[in-house]
Protein backbone atom coordinates (compact mmCIF):
# COMPACT_ATOMS: atom_id res chain seq x y z
CA MET A 1 0.00 0.00 0.00
CA LYS A 2 2.84 2.41 0.85
CA THR A 3 4.42 1.75 -2.57
CA PHE A 4 1.08 2.47 -4.26
CA LEU A 5 0.66 5.78 -2.41
CA THR A 6 4.23 6.83 -3.23
CA LEU A 7 3.73 6.00 -6.91
CA TYR A 8 0.32 7.73 -6.97
CA THR A 9 1.74 10.88 -5.33
CA ALA A 10 4.67 11.00 -7.75
CA LEU A 11 2.37 10.60 -10.76
CA TYR A 12 -0.07 13.19 -9.44
CA PHE A 13 2.59 15.88 -8.99
CA SER A 14 4.19 14.97 -12.29
CA ALA A 15 0.84 15.44 -14.04
CA MET A 16 0.14 18.70 -12.22
CA SER A 17 3.45 20.20 -13.31
CA ALA A 18 2.82 19.22 -16.93
CA GLN A 19 -0.69 20.60 -17.36
CA SER A 20 0.19 23.17 -19.96
CA ASP A 21 2.50 23.56 -22.87
CA THR A 22 5.01 26.39 -22.89
CA LEU A 23 5.54 29.20 -25.35
CA ASN A 24 8.47 31.56 -25.63
CA PHE A 25 7.42 35.05 -24.52
CA ASN A 26 9.44 36.53 -27.39
CA LYS A 27 7.55 34.51 -30.01
CA ILE A 28 4.15 35.93 -29.13
CA LYS A 29 3.25 38.12 -32.06
CA ILE A 30 -0.06 39.66 -32.98
CA ASN A 31 -0.74 39.30 -36.72
CA ASP A 32 2.93 38.30 -37.14
CA LYS A 33 3.86 41.97 -36.67
CA VAL A 34 3.54 43.13 -33.06
CA SER A 35 5.44 41.74 -30.08
CA LEU A 36 5.02 42.35 -26.39
CA GLU A 37 7.21 45.22 -25.16
CA GLN A 38 7.00 47.09 -28.48
CA SER A 39 6.30 50.83 -28.32
CA SER A 40 2.79 52.17 -28.75
CA GLU A 41 3.88 53.84 -32.01
CA GLN A 42 4.98 50.47 -33.44
CA VAL A 43 1.73 48.84 -32.32
CA PHE A 44 -0.43 51.57 -33.83
CA SER A 45 1.45 51.61 -37.15
CA ASN A 46 0.95 47.83 -37.49
CA LEU A 47 -2.51 47.29 -35.99
CA GLY A 48 -4.34 50.55 -36.54
CA ILE A 49 -5.28 53.84 -34.93
CA PRO A 50 -6.76 53.54 -31.42
CA LYS A 51 -10.45 54.24 -31.04
CA GLU A 52 -10.06 54.96 -27.35
CA ARG A 53 -7.20 55.65 -24.93
CA LYS A 54 -7.64 55.86 -21.16
CA PRO A 55 -5.83 55.17 -17.90
CA TYR A 56 -6.26 51.69 -16.42
CA PHE A 57 -5.38 50.83 -12.82
CA ASN A 58 -3.96 47.32 -12.46
CA GLU A 59 -4.88 46.37 -8.89
CA ILE A 60 -2.75 43.21 -8.85
CA GLU A 61 0.46 45.06 -9.67
CA ASP A 62 -0.69 48.36 -8.10
CA ILE A 63 0.23 50.40 -11.20
CA THR A 64 -1.55 52.63 -13.68
CA MET A 65 -1.28 51.60 -17.31
CA GLU A 66 -2.73 52.98 -20.51
CA GLN A 67 -5.63 50.97 -21.98
CA VAL A 68 -6.01 51.37 -25.73
CA THR A 69 -8.89 50.00 -27.81
CA ILE A 70 -8.18 49.02 -31.41
CA ARG A 71 -10.86 47.27 -33.49
CA GLY A 72 -12.73 46.26 -30.32
CA SER A 73 -9.72 44.67 -28.59
CA LYS A 74 -7.84 46.06 -25.60
CA PHE A 75 -4.10 46.62 -25.43
CA TYR A 76 -2.34 47.63 -22.22
CA PHE A 77 0.81 49.75 -22.20
CA LEU A 78 3.23 50.31 -19.36
CA ASP A 79 5.87 53.00 -19.88
CA ASN A 80 4.78 53.24 -23.54
CA LYS A 81 5.47 49.51 -24.16
CA LEU A 82 2.90 46.81 -24.90
CA ASP A 83 2.50 44.84 -21.66
CA SER A 84 -0.61 42.72 -22.27
CA PHE A 85 -3.77 42.44 -24.33
CA GLU A 86 -7.36 41.15 -24.46
CA ILE A 87 -8.17 40.28 -28.05
CA THR A 88 -11.85 39.87 -28.90
CA SER A 89 -11.80 40.70 -32.62
CA SER A 90 -11.27 38.21 -35.44
CA PHE A 91 -9.10 40.85 -37.14
CA PHE A 92 -6.21 39.69 -34.93
CA PHE A 93 -4.47 36.37 -34.45
CA VAL A 94 -1.76 35.52 -31.93
CA TYR A 95 1.38 33.43 -32.50
CA ASN A 96 -0.29 31.15 -35.03
CA PRO A 97 -3.14 31.88 -37.47
CA SER A 98 -5.18 29.13 -35.75
CA ILE A 99 -5.33 31.22 -32.57
CA ARG A 100 -8.01 33.61 -33.79
CA ILE A 101 -11.40 34.69 -32.49
CA GLY A 102 -14.11 32.55 -34.08
CA ASN A 103 -11.85 29.55 -34.76
CA SER A 104 -12.52 26.24 -33.06
CA ILE A 105 -10.61 25.46 -29.88
CA ASN A 106 -10.17 21.99 -31.42
CA SER A 107 -7.82 23.52 -34.00
CA LEU A 108 -5.28 23.95 -31.18
CA LYS A 109 -5.20 20.28 -30.18
CA ASP A 110 -2.04 19.54 -32.18
CA ILE A 111 -0.36 22.89 -31.48
CA PHE A 112 -0.72 22.73 -27.68
CA PRO A 113 -1.61 19.09 -26.83
CA LYS A 114 -0.99 19.30 -23.05
CA SER A 115 -2.86 22.56 -22.64
CA PHE A 116 -5.71 21.19 -24.75
CA LEU A 117 -5.92 18.06 -22.61
CA PHE A 118 -6.12 20.10 -19.39
CA LYS A 119 -8.46 22.85 -20.62
CA ARG A 120 -11.25 23.60 -18.16
CA GLU A 121 -14.86 24.69 -18.33
CA GLU A 122 -16.80 26.94 -15.95
CA ASP A 123 -20.42 27.82 -16.67
CA SER A 124 -20.59 28.68 -20.38
CA LYS A 125 -16.88 29.51 -20.77
CA GLY A 126 -13.91 27.29 -21.39
CA PHE A 127 -10.28 28.15 -20.72
CA MET A 128 -7.02 26.85 -22.09
CA ASP A 129 -3.71 28.27 -20.95
CA VAL A 130 -0.17 28.05 -22.26
CA GLN A 131 2.59 29.00 -19.84
CA LEU A 132 5.11 31.56 -21.04
CA PHE A 133 8.88 31.39 -20.63
CA SER A 134 11.82 33.50 -21.65
CA ASP A 135 15.40 32.56 -22.37
CA ASP A 136 16.57 34.93 -19.62
CA VAL A 137 14.10 34.08 -16.83
CA GLY A 138 12.89 30.55 -17.64
CA LEU A 139 9.26 29.76 -16.77
CA MET A 140 7.25 32.89 -16.08
CA ASP A 141 4.16 33.43 -13.98
CA LEU A 142 2.36 34.48 -17.18
CA TYR A 143 0.05 32.57 -19.50
CA LEU A 144 -1.47 32.95 -22.92
CA LEU A 145 -5.12 32.42 -21.98
CA ILE A 146 -7.49 31.25 -24.71
CA THR A 147 -11.16 31.53 -23.78
CA PHE A 148 -13.86 29.67 -25.71
CA ASP A 149 -17.61 29.09 -25.69
CA VAL A 150 -18.29 25.61 -24.25
CA ASN A 151 -21.31 25.05 -26.53
CA THR A 152 -19.89 26.13 -29.87
CA LYS A 153 -16.20 25.45 -29.00
CA LEU A 154 -15.31 28.73 -30.72
CA ILE A 155 -12.53 30.96 -29.39
CA THR A 156 -13.96 34.16 -27.89
CA GLU A 157 -10.92 35.85 -26.30
CA ILE A 158 -7.12 35.65 -26.32
CA SER A 159 -5.23 37.37 -23.52
CA ILE A 160 -2.12 37.47 -21.38
CA TRP A 161 -2.96 36.31 -17.86
CA SER A 162 -1.18 36.05 -14.53
CA PRO A 163 -2.61 34.06 -11.62
CA ASN A 164 -1.27 36.58 -9.09
């Protein structure tokens, strides 16, 4: 029995640590043109003129950022550099053309197999996350969060998310 519990515990923690795929922070590009940490001028010249610009207080990090709306999606800038986003428009795709609003979450099964396997559903929304890493820092406490409708299985939002 002790051997069984030891094996079960080892497998459980092994599975928990492998619940999502990883993606290099530097490879996240919006429409193959815009990277995180690019200046607002670079973002606007590649994605379009903002419809709205306003201050946004990030309670988790206790900082004020600039929230910019372009084609119905929100982009957040810190010190004039793209820090995060909430994409809700099919005009944009992230990292891979399959990661686009309106596409099926099933289209990501081969791209992110671990994350797909461990996606979760709450009420009418589903969530799949891919942990980010950088060559300098290693694994980061940041995720590419892909939200989908549980009934239609269509992607409804793509964002950068931190559990803290």
